[in-house]
């Protein structure tokens, strides 16, 4: 892992997360320093885990009935998820890595990590969260209708028709940008 402690954009933002992981229990949560002492971490993992726990407090598990070894295992699973998200883009994750990530996400759900955050990770990795296909389809339909109108009304020559088609094709790049907003 590179010496970069900032969380990448692929790690879901806090607006995707519920508060069930923290609010569901009256048991106190461990401090970040205590968590870092329990989990065997290497390289930049302590900084990555610490930053994630600061930014997303709902990822901090309640102390509850958990033993120290269960807590250590839980945060090791979370760290493995964070490392994957920090080092790979959704399109660069291999099938094998996706399988491992999915197993870790299932384990994280079982261990009591915030389900909203876990689902947002799944959405990010699967690409469900990348853009609204409906917006793209609507824009393409509008552009097709505009092209047909130009073709029948204003295009007196094949050259003008080709120019309109070229404009439509170039506009598709704009269409993708609009859909991502």
C-alpha atoms as a PDB file:
ATOM      1  CA  UNK A   1       0.000   0.000   0.000  1.00  0.00           C
ATOM      2  CA  UNK A   2       1.279   3.461  -0.835  1.00  0.00           C
ATOM      3  CA  UNK A   3       2.122   5.896   1.923  1.00  0.00           C
ATOM      4  CA  UNK A   4      -1.187   7.718   1.538  1.00  0.00           C
ATOM      5  CA  UNK A   5      -3.486   7.952   4.531  1.00  0.00           C
ATOM      6  CA  UNK A   6      -6.409   9.671   2.871  1.00  0.00           C
ATOM      7  CA  UNK A   7      -9.463   7.573   2.158  1.00  0.00           C
ATOM      8  CA  UNK A   8     -10.179   7.191  -1.548  1.00  0.00           C
ATOM      9  CA  UNK A   9     -13.455   8.290  -3.138  1.00  0.00           C
ATOM     10  CA  UNK A  10     -14.529   4.680  -3.542  1.00  0.00           C
ATOM     11  CA  UNK A  11     -14.970   4.322   0.213  1.00  0.00           C
ATOM     12  CA  UNK A  12     -18.620   5.214   0.775  1.00  0.00           C
ATOM     13  CA  UNK A  13     -19.447   8.548   2.298  1.00  0.00           C
ATOM     14  CA  UNK A  14     -21.275   8.897   5.580  1.00  0.00           C
ATOM     15  CA  UNK A  15     -24.582   9.826   3.923  1.00  0.00           C
ATOM     16  CA  UNK A  16     -24.946   6.165   2.862  1.00  0.00           C
ATOM     17  CA  UNK A  17     -24.713   4.902   6.399  1.00  0.00           C
ATOM     18  CA  UNK A  18     -27.247   4.197   9.085  1.00  0.00           C
ATOM     19  CA  UNK A  19     -26.419   4.530  12.737  1.00  0.00           C
ATOM     20  CA  UNK A  20     -27.380   0.987  13.732  1.00  0.00           C
ATOM     21  CA  UNK A  21     -23.846  -0.108  14.558  1.00  0.00           C
ATOM     22  CA  UNK A  22     -23.388   2.528  17.254  1.00  0.00           C
ATOM     23  CA  UNK A  23     -26.870   3.370  18.477  1.00  0.00           C
ATOM     24  CA  UNK A  24     -28.074  -0.218  18.815  1.00  0.00           C
ATOM     25  CA  UNK A  25     -26.068  -0.861  21.954  1.00  0.00           C
ATOM     26  CA  UNK A  26     -25.560   0.987  25.180  1.00  0.00           C
ATOM     27  CA  UNK A  27     -22.151  -0.637  25.564  1.00  0.00           C
ATOM     28  CA  UNK A  28     -19.275   1.769  25.133  1.00  0.00           C
ATOM     29  CA  UNK A  29     -17.100   1.587  22.075  1.00  0.00           C
ATOM     30  CA  UNK A  30     -13.362   1.224  22.251  1.00  0.00           C
ATOM     31  CA  UNK A  31     -11.238   4.251  21.541  1.00  0.00           C
ATOM     32  CA  UNK A  32      -9.354   4.248  18.254  1.00  0.00           C
ATOM     33  CA  UNK A  33      -6.020   3.820  20.053  1.00  0.00           C
ATOM     34  CA  UNK A  34      -7.312   0.737  21.874  1.00  0.00           C
ATOM     35  CA  UNK A  35      -8.535  -0.748  18.593  1.00  0.00           C
ATOM     36  CA  UNK A  36      -5.171  -0.151  16.948  1.00  0.00           C
ATOM     37  CA  UNK A  37      -3.437  -1.939  19.833  1.00  0.00           C
ATOM     38  CA  UNK A  38      -5.660  -5.014  19.447  1.00  0.00           C
ATOM     39  CA  UNK A  39      -5.391  -5.483  15.687  1.00  0.00           C
ATOM     40  CA  UNK A  40      -2.245  -6.730  14.003  1.00  0.00           C
ATOM     41  CA  UNK A  41      -1.658  -4.060  11.355  1.00  0.00           C
ATOM     42  CA  UNK A  42       1.175  -3.415   8.914  1.00  0.00           C
ATOM     43  CA  UNK A  43       2.462  -0.586   6.715  1.00  0.00           C
ATOM     44  CA  UNK A  44      -0.159   2.140   6.316  1.00  0.00           C
ATOM     45  CA  UNK A  45      -3.032   0.071   7.714  1.00  0.00           C
ATOM     46  CA  UNK A  46      -3.083   1.795  11.142  1.00  0.00           C
ATOM     47  CA  UNK A  47      -3.477   5.198   9.490  1.00  0.00           C
ATOM     48  CA  UNK A  48      -6.148   3.891   7.088  1.00  0.00           C
ATOM     49  CA  UNK A  49      -8.175   2.231   9.849  1.00  0.00           C
ATOM     50  CA  UNK A  50      -7.791   5.211  12.156  1.00  0.00           C
ATOM     51  CA  UNK A  51      -8.949   7.641   9.444  1.00  0.00           C
ATOM     52  CA  UNK A  52     -11.945   5.448   8.574  1.00  0.00           C
ATOM     53  CA  UNK A  53     -12.995   5.211  12.234  1.00  0.00           C
ATOM     54  CA  UNK A  54     -12.655   8.980  12.650  1.00  0.00           C
ATOM     55  CA  UNK A  55     -14.683   9.748   9.521  1.00  0.00           C
ATOM     56  CA  UNK A  56     -17.258   7.005  10.019  1.00  0.00           C
ATOM     57  CA  UNK A  57     -17.873   6.538  13.756  1.00  0.00           C
ATOM     58  CA  UNK A  58     -20.660   4.053  12.991  1.00  0.00           C
ATOM     59  CA  UNK A  59     -17.897   1.602  12.025  1.00  0.00           C
ATOM     60  CA  UNK A  60     -16.827   1.501  15.653  1.00  0.00           C
ATOM     61  CA  UNK A  61     -18.340  -1.578  17.252  1.00  0.00           C
ATOM     62  CA  UNK A  62     -19.744  -1.566  20.750  1.00  0.00           C
ATOM     63  CA  UNK A  63     -17.691  -3.361  23.370  1.00  0.00           C
ATOM     64  CA  UNK A  64     -20.677  -5.459  24.481  1.00  0.00           C
ATOM     65  CA  UNK A  65     -20.147  -9.172  24.977  1.00  0.00           C
ATOM     66  CA  UNK A  66     -17.236  -9.323  22.528  1.00  0.00           C
ATOM     67  CA  UNK A  67     -13.915 -10.750  23.620  1.00  0.00           C
ATOM     68  CA  UNK A  68     -10.697  -8.976  22.747  1.00  0.00           C
ATOM     69  CA  UNK A  69      -9.923 -11.620  20.116  1.00  0.00           C
ATOM     70  CA  UNK A  70     -13.348 -11.155  18.473  1.00  0.00           C
ATOM     71  CA  UNK A  71     -12.818  -7.391  18.435  1.00  0.00           C
ATOM     72  CA  UNK A  72      -9.362  -7.842  16.915  1.00  0.00           C
ATOM     73  CA  UNK A  73     -10.751 -10.215  14.271  1.00  0.00           C
ATOM     74  CA  UNK A  74     -13.623  -7.817  13.504  1.00  0.00           C
ATOM     75  CA  UNK A  75     -11.324  -4.877  12.847  1.00  0.00           C
ATOM     76  CA  UNK A  76      -8.936  -7.075  10.835  1.00  0.00           C
ATOM     77  CA  UNK A  77     -11.865  -7.878   8.514  1.00  0.00           C
ATOM     78  CA  UNK A  78     -12.746  -4.173   8.272  1.00  0.00           C
ATOM     79  CA  UNK A  79      -9.106  -3.311   7.557  1.00  0.00           C
ATOM     80  CA  UNK A  80      -8.968  -5.892   4.768  1.00  0.00           C
ATOM     81  CA  UNK A  81     -12.063  -4.286   3.204  1.00  0.00           C
ATOM     82  CA  UNK A  82     -10.556  -0.794   3.529  1.00  0.00           C
ATOM     83  CA  UNK A  83      -7.238  -1.880   2.010  1.00  0.00           C
ATOM     84  CA  UNK A  84      -9.052  -3.350  -0.991  1.00  0.00           C
ATOM     85  CA  UNK A  85     -11.028  -0.140  -1.464  1.00  0.00           C
ATOM     86  CA  UNK A  86      -7.944   2.025  -1.018  1.00  0.00           C
ATOM     87  CA  UNK A  87      -5.750   0.118  -3.444  1.00  0.00           C
ATOM     88  CA  UNK A  88      -8.177  -0.853  -6.222  1.00  0.00           C
ATOM     89  CA  UNK A  89     -10.749   0.948  -8.317  1.00  0.00           C
ATOM     90  CA  UNK A  90     -14.094  -0.826  -8.776  1.00  0.00           C
ATOM     91  CA  UNK A  91     -13.167  -1.666 -12.382  1.00  0.00           C
ATOM     92  CA  UNK A  92      -9.714  -3.004 -11.450  1.00  0.00           C
ATOM     93  CA  UNK A  93     -10.921  -5.532  -8.870  1.00  0.00           C
ATOM     94  CA  UNK A  94     -10.545  -9.058 -10.226  1.00  0.00           C
ATOM     95  CA  UNK A  95     -13.203 -11.740  -9.914  1.00  0.00           C
ATOM     96  CA  UNK A  96     -11.159 -13.447  -7.226  1.00  0.00           C
ATOM     97  CA  UNK A  97     -10.749 -10.187  -5.301  1.00  0.00           C
ATOM     98  CA  UNK A  98     -14.490  -9.473  -5.610  1.00  0.00           C
ATOM     99  CA  UNK A  99     -15.196 -12.918  -4.180  1.00  0.00           C
ATOM    100  CA  UNK A 100     -12.844 -12.265  -1.251  1.00  0.00           C
ATOM    101  CA  UNK A 101     -14.348  -8.807  -0.728  1.00  0.00           C
ATOM    102  CA  UNK A 102     -17.868 -10.248  -0.758  1.00  0.00           C
ATOM    103  CA  UNK A 103     -16.877 -12.850   1.856  1.00  0.00           C
ATOM    104  CA  UNK A 104     -15.372 -10.096   4.013  1.00  0.00           C
ATOM    105  CA  UNK A 105     -18.509  -7.952   3.611  1.00  0.00           C
ATOM    106  CA  UNK A 106     -20.663 -10.917   4.670  1.00  0.00           C
ATOM    107  CA  UNK A 107     -18.418 -11.500   7.668  1.00  0.00           C
ATOM    108  CA  UNK A 108     -18.526  -7.781   8.516  1.00  0.00           C
ATOM    109  CA  UNK A 109     -22.329  -7.878   8.455  1.00  0.00           C
ATOM    110  CA  UNK A 110     -22.320 -10.895  10.782  1.00  0.00           C
ATOM    111  CA  UNK A 111     -19.858  -9.147  13.113  1.00  0.00           C
ATOM    112  CA  UNK A 112     -22.206  -6.177  13.458  1.00  0.00           C
ATOM    113  CA  UNK A 113     -20.674  -3.505  11.251  1.00  0.00           C
ATOM    114  CA  UNK A 114     -23.031  -0.887   9.854  1.00  0.00           C
ATOM    115  CA  UNK A 115     -25.228  -2.537   7.203  1.00  0.00           C
ATOM    116  CA  UNK A 116     -25.797   0.723   5.314  1.00  0.00           C
ATOM    117  CA  UNK A 117     -22.066   1.236   4.897  1.00  0.00           C
ATOM    118  CA  UNK A 118     -21.566  -2.377   3.811  1.00  0.00           C
ATOM    119  CA  UNK A 119     -24.328  -2.086   1.195  1.00  0.00           C
ATOM    120  CA  UNK A 120     -22.809   1.134  -0.105  1.00  0.00           C
ATOM    121  CA  UNK A 121     -19.465  -0.677  -0.513  1.00  0.00           C
ATOM    122  CA  UNK A 122     -21.257  -3.389  -2.493  1.00  0.00           C
ATOM    123  CA  UNK A 123     -22.902  -0.732  -4.665  1.00  0.00           C
ATOM    124  CA  UNK A 124     -19.590   1.010  -5.290  1.00  0.00           C
ATOM    125  CA  UNK A 125     -17.767  -2.178  -6.248  1.00  0.00           C
ATOM    126  CA  UNK A 126     -20.574  -3.514  -8.433  1.00  0.00           C
ATOM    127  CA  UNK A 127     -20.956  -0.136 -10.177  1.00  0.00           C
ATOM    128  CA  UNK A 128     -24.607   0.299  -9.163  1.00  0.00           C
ATOM    129  CA  UNK A 129     -23.753   3.646  -7.721  1.00  0.00           C
ATOM    130  CA  UNK A 130     -21.800   5.053 -10.658  1.00  0.00           C
ATOM    131  CA  UNK A 131     -24.553   6.737 -12.659  1.00  0.00           C
ATOM    132  CA  UNK A 132     -28.242   6.734 -13.388  1.00  0.00           C
ATOM    133  CA  UNK A 133     -28.831   4.763 -16.604  1.00  0.00           C
ATOM    134  CA  UNK A 134     -32.310   6.284 -16.921  1.00  0.00           C
ATOM    135  CA  UNK A 135     -30.816   9.766 -17.296  1.00  0.00           C
ATOM    136  CA  UNK A 136     -28.530   8.521 -20.054  1.00  0.00           C
ATOM    137  CA  UNK A 137     -31.376   6.775 -21.878  1.00  0.00           C
ATOM    138  CA  UNK A 138     -33.578   9.892 -21.649  1.00  0.00           C
ATOM    139  CA  UNK A 139     -30.798  12.113 -22.990  1.00  0.00           C
ATOM    140  CA  UNK A 140     -30.083   9.714 -25.879  1.00  0.00           C
ATOM    141  CA  UNK A 141     -33.796   9.629 -26.756  1.00  0.00           C
ATOM    142  CA  UNK A 142     -33.947  13.443 -26.738  1.00  0.00           C
ATOM    143  CA  UNK A 143     -30.910  13.571 -28.988  1.00  0.00           C
ATOM    144  CA  UNK A 144     -32.373  10.988 -31.397  1.00  0.00           C
ATOM    145  CA  UNK A 145     -35.577  13.003 -31.645  1.00  0.00           C
ATOM    146  CA  UNK A 146     -33.584  16.179 -32.268  1.00  0.00           C
ATOM    147  CA  UNK A 147     -31.562  14.421 -34.973  1.00  0.00           C
ATOM    148  CA  UNK A 148     -34.720  13.140 -36.686  1.00  0.00           C
ATOM    149  CA  UNK A 149     -36.220  16.633 -36.604  1.00  0.00           C
ATOM    150  CA  UNK A 150     -33.077  18.133 -38.090  1.00  0.00           C
ATOM    151  CA  UNK A 151     -32.920  15.399 -40.707  1.00  0.00           C
ATOM    152  CA  UNK A 152     -36.495  15.900 -41.900  1.00  0.00           C
ATOM    153  CA  UNK A 153     -36.723  19.679 -41.499  1.00  0.00           C
ATOM    154  CA  UNK A 154     -33.292  21.184 -41.934  1.00  0.00           C
ATOM    155  CA  UNK A 155     -30.995  18.694 -43.530  1.00  0.00           C
ATOM    156  CA  UNK A 156     -31.230  19.368 -47.239  1.00  0.00           C
ATOM    157  CA  UNK A 157     -28.119  17.405 -48.054  1.00  0.00           C
ATOM    158  CA  UNK A 158     -26.448  14.213 -46.901  1.00  0.00           C
ATOM    159  CA  UNK A 159     -23.518  16.307 -45.658  1.00  0.00           C
ATOM    160  CA  UNK A 160     -25.775  18.205 -43.237  1.00  0.00           C
ATOM    161  CA  UNK A 161     -27.237  14.904 -42.044  1.00  0.00           C
ATOM    162  CA  UNK A 162     -23.726  13.569 -41.377  1.00  0.00           C
ATOM    163  CA  UNK A 163     -22.870  16.719 -39.411  1.00  0.00           C
ATOM    164  CA  UNK A 164     -25.966  16.203 -37.248  1.00  0.00           C
ATOM    165  CA  UNK A 165     -25.044  12.577 -36.647  1.00  0.00           C
ATOM    166  CA  UNK A 166     -21.502  13.591 -35.727  1.00  0.00           C
ATOM    167  CA  UNK A 167     -22.903  16.152 -33.255  1.00  0.00           C
ATOM    168  CA  UNK A 168     -25.081  13.445 -31.723  1.00  0.00           C
ATOM    169  CA  UNK A 169     -22.122  11.124 -31.291  1.00  0.00           C
ATOM    170  CA  UNK A 170     -19.983  13.865 -29.739  1.00  0.00           C
ATOM    171  CA  UNK A 171     -22.844  14.778 -27.413  1.00  0.00           C
ATOM    172  CA  UNK A 172     -22.895  11.245 -25.991  1.00  0.00           C
ATOM    173  CA  UNK A 173     -19.760  12.118 -24.016  1.00  0.00           C
ATOM    174  CA  UNK A 174     -21.682  15.005 -22.467  1.00  0.00           C
ATOM    175  CA  UNK A 175     -24.552  12.623 -21.807  1.00  0.00           C
ATOM    176  CA  UNK A 176     -22.330  10.355 -19.653  1.00  0.00           C
ATOM    177  CA  UNK A 177     -21.116  13.353 -17.680  1.00  0.00           C
ATOM    178  CA  UNK A 178     -24.694  14.508 -17.047  1.00  0.00           C
ATOM    179  CA  UNK A 179     -25.698  11.050 -15.836  1.00  0.00           C
ATOM    180  CA  UNK A 180     -22.922  10.947 -13.248  1.00  0.00           C
ATOM    181  CA  UNK A 181     -24.185  14.124 -11.544  1.00  0.00           C
END
